[in-house]
Amino acid sequence: MWLGQFSSNLLCSHFLAAKHVLRYLAGTCSLSLLYGASPSVSPSQLKGFMHNLGCSDADWASDTKDRRSISGFCFFFQFSLISWSAVKQRAIALSSTEAEYYALTHAFKKALWLRVFLILLSLPIPHLFPLFSDNQAAISLSSSLSISSRSKHIDIHHHFLRSHISDGSFSITWILLQTCQQTFSLNHCLILFFLATVPFLILYLYLQSLSLFVLSHSSSCGGVLDLVSSAG
């Protein structure tokens, strides 16, 4: 996403960043998403929800050039990572609360699609589809109909999530994330994998929380079967 902004005007710094991406791909080419296996390492505050949940977060004003924020989310179904995203917000957020609220809107669009898709497949979904956010002000804004001087400028299309919360289809829960940001400990949330630079050793320790496993070298099909049998 970040490198794509400079495709028409590449500099040496962008080529260096692209080399880092290639190194990452080379170092993780043996990893594969495994569906249906319960991870042995689960974030403490997400236990009990990992079978069906969504996490939302924002990196406020992270772009030093245009000061736009980044919205990110990840969704799990039956303990498996099934959807993730990290995109730059179109509007400039005036506060971290506003950036987190935009991120919740971005996550809600995917959550609505996933909920309808699971219903069409007759798969079990929770009555209150849980979403997690680390910003209490954004959560309060999503469930309140009051308009204040700090929120009246927010475009109306971001407020569509309020109706889905009020009708009991979704719930938004606050989750502590500061410890994760300061120590890179994933005991609280997984979303930082998509928004922050995480050291490789920390990423390696928590691969199973992301449903990532190393395939065996025997064969592609046999490797997957080996993983399923060992995970089960």
Foldseek 3Di string as FASTA:
>chain_A
DVLVVCPPPDDPVSVVVVVVVVVVCVVCVQKDFFPQFAFPDAQQVCPVPLQWAKEKAKAALPDPPPRWIKIKMWIHHNLATDDIDIDTDPDHQPDRLRRRLQNVLVVVVVVVVVVVVCVVVVHDDDQAREYEYADPSNLVVLQDPDDDPNRPVPDPSSNPSNVCVVVRRYHYDHWHCPVCVVPVDCNTHDGCVPVDDHDPVSCVVCVVSNSMDGFDPPDPVVRSVVVVVVSD
